[in-house]
Amino acid sequence: MEIEYYTRDRGDSPVSDFLCTLSGKHFKKIEKDIDRLKEYGLQLLLKTKDVKKFKGNNKYDGLYELITNYQGIYYRTMFTVINDKYWLISMFKKKSNKTPLNEIKKANNIKELLKQKYGI
């Protein structure tokens, strides 16, 4: 499947913008993990626990996070699947064991906007 980066109406992309703030080695590790998602697919990475599916009374159905660990620093790439494409929605550095609820809600809102845009 193809990888698409969500882009706001004003032209910026949260994932691309975040990646631009990283050093080369961190950037390359995340880029490698995104390539693995494209190459091996969602189902395999769910089995290897490199991807986590969000749960919550069906509220977050179709929302996932790609887990990247580089030298003890954890990054999360939030994404969804629409029209046979992986849509990378947002990215952040994870500082605790739990994914912050505000990040989940923000990504879920974008997922819903994408679904509306593509008539799903």
PDB file of N, CA and C in Angstrom:
ATOM      1  N   MET A   1       0.832  -1.190   0.000  1.00  0.00           N
ATOM      2  CA  MET A   1       0.000   0.000   0.000  1.00  0.00           C
ATOM      3  C   MET A   1       0.871   1.246   0.000  1.00  0.00           C
ATOM      4  N   GLU A   2       0.313   2.297  -0.491  1.00  0.00           N
ATOM      5  CA  GLU A   2       1.032   3.574  -0.534  1.00  0.00           C
ATOM      6  C   GLU A   2       0.981   4.276   0.817  1.00  0.00           C
ATOM      7  N   ILE A   3       1.952   5.153   1.010  1.00  0.00           N
ATOM      8  CA  ILE A   3       2.008   6.017   2.192  1.00  0.00           C
ATOM      9  C   ILE A   3       1.621   7.423   1.747  1.00  0.00           C
ATOM     10  N   GLU A   4       0.700   8.048   2.471  1.00  0.00           N
ATOM     11  CA  GLU A   4       0.322   9.440   2.232  1.00  0.00           C
ATOM     12  C   GLU A   4       0.531  10.217   3.528  1.00  0.00           C
ATOM     13  N   TYR A   5       1.005  11.434   3.410  1.00  0.00           N
ATOM     14  CA  TYR A   5       1.167  12.312   4.563  1.00  0.00           C
ATOM     15  C   TYR A   5      -0.006  13.277   4.601  1.00  0.00           C
ATOM     16  N   TYR A   6      -0.752  13.254   5.707  1.00  0.00           N
ATOM     17  CA  TYR A   6      -1.850  14.202   5.857  1.00  0.00           C
ATOM     18  C   TYR A   6      -1.296  15.617   5.780  1.00  0.00           C
ATOM     19  N   THR A   7      -1.972  16.444   4.964  1.00  0.00           N
ATOM     20  CA  THR A   7      -1.588  17.839   4.802  1.00  0.00           C
ATOM     21  C   THR A   7      -2.796  18.711   5.112  1.00  0.00           C
ATOM     22  N   ARG A   8      -2.579  19.692   5.980  1.00  0.00           N
ATOM     23  CA  ARG A   8      -3.660  20.622   6.333  1.00  0.00           C
ATOM     24  C   ARG A   8      -3.997  21.511   5.138  1.00  0.00           C
ATOM     25  N   ASP A   9      -5.121  22.176   5.204  1.00  0.00           N
ATOM     26  CA  ASP A   9      -5.547  23.073   4.123  1.00  0.00           C
ATOM     27  C   ASP A   9      -4.522  24.171   3.857  1.00  0.00           C
ATOM     28  N   ARG A  10      -3.821  24.590   4.892  1.00  0.00           N
ATOM     29  CA  ARG A  10      -2.826  25.664   4.719  1.00  0.00           C
ATOM     30  C   ARG A  10      -1.508  25.157   4.122  1.00  0.00           C
ATOM     31  N   GLY A  11      -1.410  23.825   3.897  1.00  0.00           N
ATOM     32  CA  GLY A  11      -0.269  23.269   3.170  1.00  0.00           C
ATOM     33  C   GLY A  11       0.805  22.610   3.996  1.00  0.00           C
ATOM     34  N   ASP A  12       0.696  22.640   5.316  1.00  0.00           N
ATOM     35  CA  ASP A  12       1.736  22.001   6.128  1.00  0.00           C
ATOM     36  C   ASP A  12       1.302  20.590   6.518  1.00  0.00           C
ATOM     37  N   SER A  13       2.292  19.759   6.814  1.00  0.00           N
ATOM     38  CA  SER A  13       2.060  18.372   7.191  1.00  0.00           C
ATOM     39  C   SER A  13       2.648  18.120   8.578  1.00  0.00           C
ATOM     40  N   PRO A  14       1.824  17.730   9.555  1.00  0.00           N
ATOM     41  CA  PRO A  14       2.346  17.503  10.906  1.00  0.00           C
ATOM     42  C   PRO A  14       3.479  16.482  10.965  1.00  0.00           C
ATOM     43  N   VAL A  15       3.377  15.407  10.194  1.00  0.00           N
ATOM     44  CA  VAL A  15       4.421  14.377  10.234  1.00  0.00           C
ATOM     45  C   VAL A  15       5.698  14.889   9.577  1.00  0.00           C
ATOM     46  N   SER A  16       5.588  15.466   8.400  1.00  0.00           N
ATOM     47  CA  SER A  16       6.773  16.001   7.723  1.00  0.00           C
ATOM     48  C   SER A  16       7.446  17.090   8.550  1.00  0.00           C
ATOM     49  N   ASP A  17       6.634  17.951   9.148  1.00  0.00           N
ATOM     50  CA  ASP A  17       7.182  19.030   9.972  1.00  0.00           C
ATOM     51  C   ASP A  17       7.937  18.473  11.177  1.00  0.00           C
ATOM     52  N   PHE A  18       7.372  17.441  11.819  1.00  0.00           N
ATOM     53  CA  PHE A  18       8.044  16.831  12.972  1.00  0.00           C
ATOM     54  C   PHE A  18       9.346  16.164  12.537  1.00  0.00           C
ATOM     55  N   LEU A  19       9.320  15.447  11.433  1.00  0.00           N
ATOM     56  CA  LEU A  19      10.525  14.768  10.951  1.00  0.00           C
ATOM     57  C   LEU A  19      11.655  15.756  10.678  1.00  0.00           C
ATOM     58  N   CYS A  20      11.317  16.937  10.210  1.00  0.00           N
ATOM     59  CA  CYS A  20      12.330  17.964   9.913  1.00  0.00           C
ATOM     60  C   CYS A  20      13.041  18.466  11.163  1.00  0.00           C
ATOM     61  N   THR A  21      12.457  18.239  12.342  1.00  0.00           N
ATOM     62  CA  THR A  21      13.079  18.705  13.583  1.00  0.00           C
ATOM     63  C   THR A  21      14.085  17.698  14.145  1.00  0.00           C
ATOM     64  N   LEU A  22      14.153  16.515  13.556  1.00  0.00           N
ATOM     65  CA  LEU A  22      14.983  15.440  14.114  1.00  0.00           C
ATOM     66  C   LEU A  22      16.372  15.399  13.513  1.00  0.00           C
ATOM     67  N   SER A  23      17.306  14.843  14.293  1.00  0.00           N
ATOM     68  CA  SER A  23      18.655  14.627  13.776  1.00  0.00           C
ATOM     69  C   SER A  23      18.627  13.493  12.754  1.00  0.00           C
ATOM     70  N   GLY A  24      19.664  13.385  11.997  1.00  0.00           N
ATOM     71  CA  GLY A  24      19.725  12.416  10.910  1.00  0.00           C
ATOM     72  C   GLY A  24      19.459  10.980  11.320  1.00  0.00           C
ATOM     73  N   LYS A  25      20.065  10.516  12.418  1.00  0.00           N
ATOM     74  CA  LYS A  25      19.910   9.117  12.827  1.00  0.00           C
ATOM     75  C   LYS A  25      18.484   8.820  13.283  1.00  0.00           C
ATOM     76  N   HIS A  26      17.886   9.731  14.017  1.00  0.00           N
ATOM     77  CA  HIS A  26      16.507   9.540  14.463  1.00  0.00           C
ATOM     78  C   HIS A  26      15.558   9.563  13.263  1.00  0.00           C
ATOM     79  N   PHE A  27      15.778  10.514  12.374  1.00  0.00           N
ATOM     80  CA  PHE A  27      14.975  10.622  11.148  1.00  0.00           C
ATOM     81  C   PHE A  27      15.051   9.325  10.352  1.00  0.00           C
ATOM     82  N   LYS A  28      16.260   8.809  10.165  1.00  0.00           N
ATOM     83  CA  LYS A  28      16.449   7.600   9.352  1.00  0.00           C
ATOM     84  C   LYS A  28      15.772   6.387   9.965  1.00  0.00           C
ATOM     85  N   LYS A  29      15.794   6.277  11.292  1.00  0.00           N
ATOM     86  CA  LYS A  29      15.148   5.147  11.963  1.00  0.00           C
ATOM     87  C   LYS A  29      13.635   5.203  11.754  1.00  0.00           C
ATOM     88  N   ILE A  30      13.045   6.380  11.916  1.00  0.00           N
ATOM     89  CA  ILE A  30      11.599   6.523  11.706  1.00  0.00           C
ATOM     90  C   ILE A  30      11.250   6.260  10.240  1.00  0.00           C
ATOM     91  N   GLU A  31      12.048   6.799   9.351  1.00  0.00           N
ATOM     92  CA  GLU A  31      11.830   6.581   7.916  1.00  0.00           C
ATOM     93  C   GLU A  31      11.882   5.084   7.589  1.00  0.00           C
ATOM     94  N   LYS A  32      12.812   4.378   8.204  1.00  0.00           N
ATOM     95  CA  LYS A  32      12.933   2.932   8.001  1.00  0.00           C
ATOM     96  C   LYS A  32      11.677   2.211   8.488  1.00  0.00           C
ATOM     97  N   ASP A  33      11.147   2.615   9.635  1.00  0.00           N
ATOM     98  CA  ASP A  33       9.938   1.991  10.162  1.00  0.00           C
ATOM     99  C   ASP A  33       8.728   2.278   9.272  1.00  0.00           C
ATOM    100  N   ILE A  34       8.646   3.482   8.722  1.00  0.00           N
ATOM    101  CA  ILE A  34       7.563   3.810   7.794  1.00  0.00           C
ATOM    102  C   ILE A  34       7.680   2.951   6.532  1.00  0.00           C
ATOM    103  N   ASP A  35       8.900   2.757   6.056  1.00  0.00           N
ATOM    104  CA  ASP A  35       9.121   1.889   4.894  1.00  0.00           C
ATOM    105  C   ASP A  35       8.717   0.441   5.200  1.00  0.00           C
ATOM    106  N   ARG A  36       8.969  -0.017   6.430  1.00  0.00           N
ATOM    107  CA  ARG A  36       8.567  -1.368   6.831  1.00  0.00           C
ATOM    108  C   ARG A  36       7.046  -1.506   6.815  1.00  0.00           C
ATOM    109  N   LEU A  37       6.335  -0.463   7.242  1.00  0.00           N
ATOM    110  CA  LEU A  37       4.879  -0.487   7.188  1.00  0.00           C
ATOM    111  C   LEU A  37       4.419  -0.658   5.743  1.00  0.00           C
ATOM    112  N   LYS A  38       5.019   0.092   4.866  1.00  0.00           N
ATOM    113  CA  LYS A  38       4.654   0.014   3.449  1.00  0.00           C
ATOM    114  C   LYS A  38       4.992  -1.364   2.873  1.00  0.00           C
ATOM    115  N   GLU A  39       6.147  -1.892   3.217  1.00  0.00           N
ATOM    116  CA  GLU A  39       6.620  -3.153   2.644  1.00  0.00           C
ATOM    117  C   GLU A  39       5.900  -4.377   3.217  1.00  0.00           C
ATOM    118  N   TYR A  40       5.754  -4.432   4.536  1.00  0.00           N
ATOM    119  CA  TYR A  40       5.228  -5.638   5.183  1.00  0.00           C
ATOM    120  C   TYR A  40       3.744  -5.568   5.527  1.00  0.00           C
ATOM    121  N   GLY A  41       3.212  -4.379   5.637  1.00  0.00           N
ATOM    122  CA  GLY A  41       1.787  -4.226   5.871  1.00  0.00           C
ATOM    123  C   GLY A  41       1.378  -4.206   7.328  1.00  0.00           C
ATOM    124  N   LEU A  42       0.180  -3.751   7.526  1.00  0.00           N
ATOM    125  CA  LEU A  42      -0.384  -3.551   8.845  1.00  0.00           C
ATOM    126  C   LEU A  42      -0.492  -4.849   9.638  1.00  0.00           C
ATOM    127  N   GLN A  43      -1.017  -5.898   9.033  1.00  0.00           N
ATOM    128  CA  GLN A  43      -1.273  -7.135   9.776  1.00  0.00           C
ATOM    129  C   GLN A  43      -0.001  -7.740  10.351  1.00  0.00           C
ATOM    130  N   LEU A  44       1.082  -7.753   9.586  1.00  0.00           N
ATOM    131  CA  LEU A  44       2.332  -8.306  10.102  1.00  0.00           C
ATOM    132  C   LEU A  44       2.893  -7.441  11.230  1.00  0.00           C
ATOM    133  N   LEU A  45       2.858  -6.127  11.074  1.00  0.00           N
ATOM    134  CA  LEU A  45       3.413  -5.263  12.112  1.00  0.00           C
ATOM    135  C   LEU A  45       2.549  -5.257  13.373  1.00  0.00           C
ATOM    136  N   LEU A  46       1.253  -5.537  13.248  1.00  0.00           N
ATOM    137  CA  LEU A  46       0.424  -5.723  14.441  1.00  0.00           C
ATOM    138  C   LEU A  46       0.880  -6.963  15.209  1.00  0.00           C
ATOM    139  N   LYS A  47       1.226  -8.018  14.480  1.00  0.00           N
ATOM    140  CA  LYS A  47       1.689  -9.256  15.118  1.00  0.00           C
ATOM    141  C   LYS A  47       3.036  -9.078  15.812  1.00  0.00           C
ATOM    142  N   THR A  48       3.909  -8.271  15.214  1.00  0.00           N
ATOM    143  CA  THR A  48       5.238  -8.051  15.802  1.00  0.00           C
ATOM    144  C   THR A  48       5.211  -6.972  16.873  1.00  0.00           C
ATOM    145  N   LYS A  49       4.049  -6.368  17.077  1.00  0.00           N
ATOM    146  CA  LYS A  49       3.838  -5.299  18.062  1.00  0.00           C
ATOM    147  C   LYS A  49       4.590  -4.014  17.726  1.00  0.00           C
ATOM    148  N   ASP A  50       4.915  -3.844  16.442  1.00  0.00           N
ATOM    149  CA  ASP A  50       5.494  -2.587  15.979  1.00  0.00           C
ATOM    150  C   ASP A  50       4.408  -1.567  15.664  1.00  0.00           C
ATOM    151  N   VAL A  51       3.169  -2.055  15.608  1.00  0.00           N
ATOM    152  CA  VAL A  51       1.996  -1.207  15.410  1.00  0.00           C
ATOM    153  C   VAL A  51       0.990  -1.577  16.483  1.00  0.00           C
ATOM    154  N   LYS A  52       0.333  -0.562  17.023  1.00  0.00           N
ATOM    155  CA  LYS A  52      -0.715  -0.761  18.026  1.00  0.00           C
ATOM    156  C   LYS A  52      -2.021  -0.189  17.482  1.00  0.00           C
ATOM    157  N   LYS A  53      -3.091  -0.965  17.654  1.00  0.00           N
ATOM    158  CA  LYS A  53      -4.420  -0.499  17.271  1.00  0.00           C
ATOM    159  C   LYS A  53      -5.088   0.104  18.497  1.00  0.00           C
ATOM    160  N   PHE A  54      -5.696   1.264  18.318  1.00  0.00           N
ATOM    161  CA  PHE A  54      -6.382   1.900  19.436  1.00  0.00           C
ATOM    162  C   PHE A  54      -7.756   1.300  19.630  1.00  0.00           C
ATOM    163  N   LYS A  55      -8.126   1.199  20.883  1.00  0.00           N
ATOM    164  CA  LYS A  55      -9.444   0.689  21.258  1.00  0.00           C
ATOM    165  C   LYS A  55     -10.128   1.773  22.066  1.00  0.00           C
ATOM    166  N   GLY A  56     -11.403   1.631  22.250  1.00  0.00           N
ATOM    167  CA  GLY A  56     -12.147   2.615  23.042  1.00  0.00           C
ATOM    168  C   GLY A  56     -13.587   2.677  22.626  1.00  0.00           C
ATOM    169  N   ASN A  57     -14.318   1.586  22.836  1.00  0.00           N
ATOM    170  CA  ASN A  57     -15.743   1.539  22.497  1.00  0.00           C
ATOM    171  C   ASN A  57     -15.996   1.925  21.040  1.00  0.00           C
ATOM    172  N   ASN A  58     -15.151   1.452  20.159  1.00  0.00           N
ATOM    173  CA  ASN A  58     -15.241   1.725  18.715  1.00  0.00           C
ATOM    174  C   ASN A  58     -15.009   3.180  18.365  1.00  0.00           C
ATOM    175  N   LYS A  59     -14.758   4.013  19.358  1.00  0.00           N
ATOM    176  CA  LYS A  59     -14.541   5.440  19.115  1.00  0.00           C
ATOM    177  C   LYS A  59     -13.300   5.675  18.258  1.00  0.00           C
ATOM    178  N   TYR A  60     -12.278   4.852  18.479  1.00  0.00           N
ATOM    179  CA  TYR A  60     -11.014   5.033  17.775  1.00  0.00           C
ATOM    180  C   TYR A  60     -10.766   3.957  16.732  1.00  0.00           C
ATOM    181  N   ASP A  61     -11.826   3.292  16.258  1.00  0.00           N
ATOM    182  CA  ASP A  61     -11.664   2.277  15.219  1.00  0.00           C
ATOM    183  C   ASP A  61     -10.912   2.856  14.026  1.00  0.00           C
ATOM    184  N   GLY A  62      -9.972   2.091  13.538  1.00  0.00           N
ATOM    185  CA  GLY A  62      -9.225   2.509  12.363  1.00  0.00           C
ATOM    186  C   GLY A  62      -8.076   3.451  12.651  1.00  0.00           C
ATOM    187  N   LEU A  63      -7.747   3.644  13.921  1.00  0.00           N
ATOM    188  CA  LEU A  63      -6.627   4.503  14.296  1.00  0.00           C
ATOM    189  C   LEU A  63      -5.513   3.632  14.868  1.00  0.00           C
ATOM    190  N   TYR A  64      -4.300   3.851  14.375  1.00  0.00           N
ATOM    191  CA  TYR A  64      -3.150   3.043  14.762  1.00  0.00           C
ATOM    192  C   TYR A  64      -1.971   3.944  15.098  1.00  0.00           C
ATOM    193  N   GLU A  65      -0.980   3.342  15.800  1.00  0.00           N
ATOM    194  CA  GLU A  65       0.277   4.050  16.001  1.00  0.00           C
ATOM    195  C   GLU A  65       1.424   3.120  15.645  1.00  0.00           C
ATOM    196  N   LEU A  66       2.337   3.651  14.859  1.00  0.00           N
ATOM    197  CA  LEU A  66       3.575   2.972  14.505  1.00  0.00           C
ATOM    198  C   LEU A  66       4.592   3.323  15.576  1.00  0.00           C
ATOM    199  N   ILE A  67       5.190   2.301  16.177  1.00  0.00           N
ATOM    200  CA  ILE A  67       6.074   2.491  17.314  1.00  0.00           C
ATOM    201  C   ILE A  67       7.522   2.448  16.840  1.00  0.00           C
ATOM    202  N   THR A  68       8.253   3.506  17.137  1.00  0.00           N
ATOM    203  CA  THR A  68       9.677   3.572  16.806  1.00  0.00           C
ATOM    204  C   THR A  68      10.463   3.802  18.082  1.00  0.00           C
ATOM    205  N   ASN A  69      11.477   2.983  18.297  1.00  0.00           N
ATOM    206  CA  ASN A  69      12.374   3.130  19.437  1.00  0.00           C
ATOM    207  C   ASN A  69      13.784   3.289  18.893  1.00  0.00           C
ATOM    208  N   TYR A  70      14.396   4.412  19.217  1.00  0.00           N
ATOM    209  CA  TYR A  70      15.779   4.618  18.808  1.00  0.00           C
ATOM    210  C   TYR A  70      16.573   5.078  20.025  1.00  0.00           C
ATOM    211  N   GLN A  71      17.470   4.232  20.459  1.00  0.00           N
ATOM    212  CA  GLN A  71      18.342   4.521  21.601  1.00  0.00           C
ATOM    213  C   GLN A  71      17.542   4.966  22.826  1.00  0.00           C
ATOM    214  N   GLY A  72      16.453   4.246  23.098  1.00  0.00           N
ATOM    215  CA  GLY A  72      15.648   4.537  24.280  1.00  0.00           C
ATOM    216  C   GLY A  72      14.696   5.706  24.144  1.00  0.00           C
ATOM    217  N   ILE A  73      14.640   6.303  22.978  1.00  0.00           N
ATOM    218  CA  ILE A  73      13.691   7.390  22.727  1.00  0.00           C
ATOM    219  C   ILE A  73      12.576   6.821  21.863  1.00  0.00           C
ATOM    220  N   TYR A  74      11.352   7.002  22.328  1.00  0.00           N
ATOM    221  CA  TYR A  74      10.197   6.429  21.643  1.00  0.00           C
ATOM    222  C   TYR A  74       9.446   7.493  20.860  1.00  0.00           C
ATOM    223  N   TYR A  75       9.167   7.164  19.614  1.00  0.00           N
ATOM    224  CA  TYR A  75       8.378   8.030  18.745  1.00  0.00           C
ATOM    225  C   TYR A  75       7.121   7.276  18.336  1.00  0.00           C
ATOM    226  N   ARG A  76       6.059   8.019  18.154  1.00  0.00           N
ATOM    227  CA  ARG A  76       4.805   7.440  17.697  1.00  0.00           C
ATOM    228  C   ARG A  76       4.341   8.177  16.449  1.00  0.00           C
ATOM    229  N   THR A  77       4.005   7.394  15.432  1.00  0.00           N
ATOM    230  CA  THR A  77       3.417   7.929  14.216  1.00  0.00           C
ATOM    231  C   THR A  77       1.978   7.435  14.166  1.00  0.00           C
ATOM    232  N   MET A  78       1.043   8.349  14.296  1.00  0.00           N
ATOM    233  CA  MET A  78      -0.374   8.003  14.268  1.00  0.00           C
ATOM    234  C   MET A  78      -0.815   7.936  12.805  1.00  0.00           C
ATOM    235  N   PHE A  79      -1.579   6.873  12.483  1.00  0.00           N
ATOM    236  CA  PHE A  79      -2.027   6.724  11.100  1.00  0.00           C
ATOM    237  C   PHE A  79      -3.364   5.997  11.027  1.00  0.00           C
ATOM    238  N   THR A  80      -3.949   6.050   9.844  1.00  0.00           N
ATOM    239  CA  THR A  80      -5.180   5.334   9.542  1.00  0.00           C
ATOM    240  C   THR A  80      -5.064   4.761   8.135  1.00  0.00           C
ATOM    241  N   VAL A  81      -6.013   3.943   7.759  1.00  0.00           N
ATOM    242  CA  VAL A  81      -6.044   3.354   6.421  1.00  0.00           C
ATOM    243  C   VAL A  81      -7.328   3.813   5.737  1.00  0.00           C
ATOM    244  N   ILE A  82      -7.158   4.497   4.603  1.00  0.00           N
ATOM    245  CA  ILE A  82      -8.299   4.970   3.819  1.00  0.00           C
ATOM    246  C   ILE A  82      -7.980   4.765   2.350  1.00  0.00           C
ATOM    247  N   ASN A  83      -8.926   4.156   1.639  1.00  0.00           N
ATOM    248  CA  ASN A  83      -8.776   3.921   0.195  1.00  0.00           C
ATOM    249  C   ASN A  83      -7.447   3.242  -0.142  1.00  0.00           C
ATOM    250  N   ASP A  84      -7.139   2.186   0.602  1.00  0.00           N
ATOM    251  CA  ASP A  84      -5.927   1.387   0.374  1.00  0.00           C
ATOM    252  C   ASP A  84      -4.642   2.206   0.449  1.00  0.00           C
ATOM    253  N   LYS A  85      -4.632   3.187   1.345  1.00  0.00           N
ATOM    254  CA  LYS A  85      -3.432   3.985   1.604  1.00  0.00           C
ATOM    255  C   LYS A  85      -3.263   4.143   3.098  1.00  0.00           C
ATOM    256  N   TYR A  86      -2.007   4.143   3.541  1.00  0.00           N
ATOM    257  CA  TYR A  86      -1.703   4.477   4.924  1.00  0.00           C
ATOM    258  C   TYR A  86      -1.562   5.988   5.004  1.00  0.00           C
ATOM    259  N   TRP A  87      -2.421   6.621   5.786  1.00  0.00           N
ATOM    260  CA  TRP A  87      -2.385   8.069   5.962  1.00  0.00           C
ATOM    261  C   TRP A  87      -1.675   8.386   7.266  1.00  0.00           C
ATOM    262  N   LEU A  88      -0.481   8.969   7.176  1.00  0.00           N
ATOM    263  CA  LEU A  88       0.270   9.367   8.364  1.00  0.00           C
ATOM    264  C   LEU A  88      -0.295  10.694   8.834  1.00  0.00           C
ATOM    265  N   ILE A  89      -0.830  10.693  10.047  1.00  0.00           N
ATOM    266  CA  ILE A  89      -1.611  11.821  10.549  1.00  0.00           C
ATOM    267  C   ILE A  89      -0.797  12.749  11.436  1.00  0.00           C
ATOM    268  N   SER A  90      -0.122  12.181  12.417  1.00  0.00           N
ATOM    269  CA  SER A  90       0.651  13.001  13.352  1.00  0.00           C
ATOM    270  C   SER A  90       1.791  12.180  13.919  1.00  0.00           C
ATOM    271  N   MET A  91       2.711  12.876  14.571  1.00  0.00           N
ATOM    272  CA  MET A  91       3.885  12.222  15.136  1.00  0.00           C
ATOM    273  C   MET A  91       4.312  12.989  16.369  1.00  0.00           C
ATOM    274  N   PHE A  92       4.825  12.250  17.357  1.00  0.00           N
ATOM    275  CA  PHE A  92       5.317  12.894  18.567  1.00  0.00           C
ATOM    276  C   PHE A  92       6.305  11.985  19.266  1.00  0.00           C
ATOM    277  N   LYS A  93       7.060  12.578  20.175  1.00  0.00           N
ATOM    278  CA  LYS A  93       7.981  11.830  21.019  1.00  0.00           C
ATOM    279  C   LYS A  93       7.208  11.425  22.264  1.00  0.00           C
ATOM    280  N   LYS A  94       7.258  10.144  22.588  1.00  0.00           N
ATOM    281  CA  LYS A  94       6.502   9.630  23.731  1.00  0.00           C
ATOM    282  C   LYS A  94       7.367   9.688  24.977  1.00  0.00           C
ATOM    283  N   LYS A  95       6.807  10.269  26.038  1.00  0.00           N
ATOM    284  CA  LYS A  95       7.573  10.483  27.259  1.00  0.00           C
ATOM    285  C   LYS A  95       7.123   9.585  28.404  1.00  0.00           C
ATOM    286  N   SER A  96       6.010   8.858  28.225  1.00  0.00           N
ATOM    287  CA  SER A  96       5.536   7.968  29.284  1.00  0.00           C
ATOM    288  C   SER A  96       4.988   6.699  28.644  1.00  0.00           C
ATOM    289  N   ASN A  97       4.593   5.749  29.473  1.00  0.00           N
ATOM    290  CA  ASN A  97       4.073   4.484  28.951  1.00  0.00           C
ATOM    291  C   ASN A  97       2.742   4.646  28.228  1.00  0.00           C
ATOM    292  N   LYS A  98       1.947   5.595  28.659  1.00  0.00           N
ATOM    293  CA  LYS A  98       0.632   5.806  28.066  1.00  0.00           C
ATOM    294  C   LYS A  98       0.699   6.853  26.969  1.00  0.00           C
ATOM    295  N   THR A  99      -0.025   6.586  25.879  1.00  0.00           N
ATOM    296  CA  THR A  99      -0.127   7.585  24.829  1.00  0.00           C
ATOM    297  C   THR A  99      -1.049   8.696  25.325  1.00  0.00           C
ATOM    298  N   PRO A 100      -0.595   9.960  25.266  1.00  0.00           N
ATOM    299  CA  PRO A 100      -1.418  11.066  25.761  1.00  0.00           C
ATOM    300  C   PRO A 100      -2.772  11.130  25.061  1.00  0.00           C
ATOM    301  N   LEU A 101      -3.831  11.277  25.842  1.00  0.00           N
ATOM    302  CA  LEU A 101      -5.184  11.306  25.309  1.00  0.00           C
ATOM    303  C   LEU A 101      -5.372  12.437  24.303  1.00  0.00           C
ATOM    304  N   ASN A 102      -4.733  13.580  24.547  1.00  0.00           N
ATOM    305  CA  ASN A 102      -4.879  14.696  23.598  1.00  0.00           C
ATOM    306  C   ASN A 102      -4.314  14.331  22.228  1.00  0.00           C
ATOM    307  N   GLU A 103      -3.234  13.536  22.175  1.00  0.00           N
ATOM    308  CA  GLU A 103      -2.662  13.100  20.888  1.00  0.00           C
ATOM    309  C   GLU A 103      -3.606  12.130  20.187  1.00  0.00           C
ATOM    310  N   ILE A 104      -4.223  11.235  20.956  1.00  0.00           N
ATOM    311  CA  ILE A 104      -5.175  10.282  20.380  1.00  0.00           C
ATOM    312  C   ILE A 104      -6.382  11.020  19.815  1.00  0.00           C
ATOM    313  N   LYS A 105      -6.916  11.956  20.579  1.00  0.00           N
ATOM    314  CA  LYS A 105      -8.095  12.713  20.129  1.00  0.00           C
ATOM    315  C   LYS A 105      -7.779  13.544  18.892  1.00  0.00           C
ATOM    316  N   LYS A 106      -6.618  14.184  18.890  1.00  0.00           N
ATOM    317  CA  LYS A 106      -6.214  15.006  17.738  1.00  0.00           C
ATOM    318  C   LYS A 106      -6.120  14.134  16.479  1.00  0.00           C
ATOM    319  N   ALA A 107      -5.465  12.984  16.597  1.00  0.00           N
ATOM    320  CA  ALA A 107      -5.326  12.084  15.452  1.00  0.00           C
ATOM    321  C   ALA A 107      -6.683  11.539  15.018  1.00  0.00           C
ATOM    322  N   ASN A 108      -7.529  11.219  15.973  1.00  0.00           N
ATOM    323  CA  ASN A 108      -8.855  10.692  15.635  1.00  0.00           C
ATOM    324  C   ASN A 108      -9.692  11.738  14.905  1.00  0.00           C
ATOM    325  N   ASN A 109      -9.597  12.996  15.311  1.00  0.00           N
ATOM    326  CA  ASN A 109     -10.317  14.069  14.615  1.00  0.00           C
ATOM    327  C   ASN A 109      -9.856  14.191  13.168  1.00  0.00           C
ATOM    328  N   ILE A 110      -8.556  14.087  12.955  1.00  0.00           N
ATOM    329  CA  ILE A 110      -8.026  14.156  11.588  1.00  0.00           C
ATOM    330  C   ILE A 110      -8.486  12.946  10.784  1.00  0.00           C
ATOM    331  N   LYS A 111      -8.474  11.766  11.418  1.00  0.00           N
ATOM    332  CA  LYS A 111      -8.964  10.550  10.751  1.00  0.00           C
ATOM    333  C   LYS A 111     -10.405  10.762  10.279  1.00  0.00           C
ATOM    334  N   GLU A 112     -11.239  11.336  11.135  1.00  0.00           N
ATOM    335  CA  GLU A 112     -12.638  11.578  10.772  1.00  0.00           C
ATOM    336  C   GLU A 112     -12.747  12.589   9.624  1.00  0.00           C
ATOM    337  N   LEU A 113     -11.904  13.615   9.631  1.00  0.00           N
ATOM    338  CA  LEU A 113     -11.894  14.577   8.518  1.00  0.00           C
ATOM    339  C   LEU A 113     -11.528  13.895   7.208  1.00  0.00           C
ATOM    340  N   LEU A 114     -10.528  13.020   7.249  1.00  0.00           N
ATOM    341  CA  LEU A 114     -10.117  12.290   6.043  1.00  0.00           C
ATOM    342  C   LEU A 114     -11.235  11.379   5.550  1.00  0.00           C
ATOM    343  N   LYS A 115     -11.921  10.722   6.490  1.00  0.00           N
ATOM    344  CA  LYS A 115     -13.031   9.849   6.091  1.00  0.00           C
ATOM    345  C   LYS A 115     -14.127  10.652   5.401  1.00  0.00           C
ATOM    346  N   GLN A 116     -14.425  11.839   5.922  1.00  0.00           N
ATOM    347  CA  GLN A 116     -15.438  12.693   5.296  1.00  0.00           C
ATOM    348  C   GLN A 116     -14.983  13.128   3.908  1.00  0.00           C
ATOM    349  N   LYS A 117     -13.729  13.521   3.819  1.00  0.00           N
ATOM    350  CA  LYS A 117     -13.182  14.005   2.547  1.00  0.00           C
ATOM    351  C   LYS A 117     -13.259  12.936   1.462  1.00  0.00           C
ATOM    352  N   TYR A 118     -13.018  11.672   1.845  1.00  0.00           N
ATOM    353  CA  TYR A 118     -13.005  10.588   0.865  1.00  0.00           C
ATOM    354  C   TYR A 118     -14.284   9.757   0.886  1.00  0.00           C
ATOM    355  N   GLY A 119     -15.328  10.287   1.523  1.00  0.00           N
ATOM    356  CA  GLY A 119     -16.647   9.668   1.469  1.00  0.00           C
ATOM    357  C   GLY A 119     -16.754   8.304   2.102  1.00  0.00           C
ATOM    358  N   ILE A 120     -16.116   8.139   3.239  1.00  0.00           N
ATOM    359  CA  ILE A 120     -16.151   6.841   3.927  1.00  0.00           C
ATOM    360  C   ILE A 120     -17.020   6.942   5.158  1.00  0.00           C
TER     361      ILE A 120
END
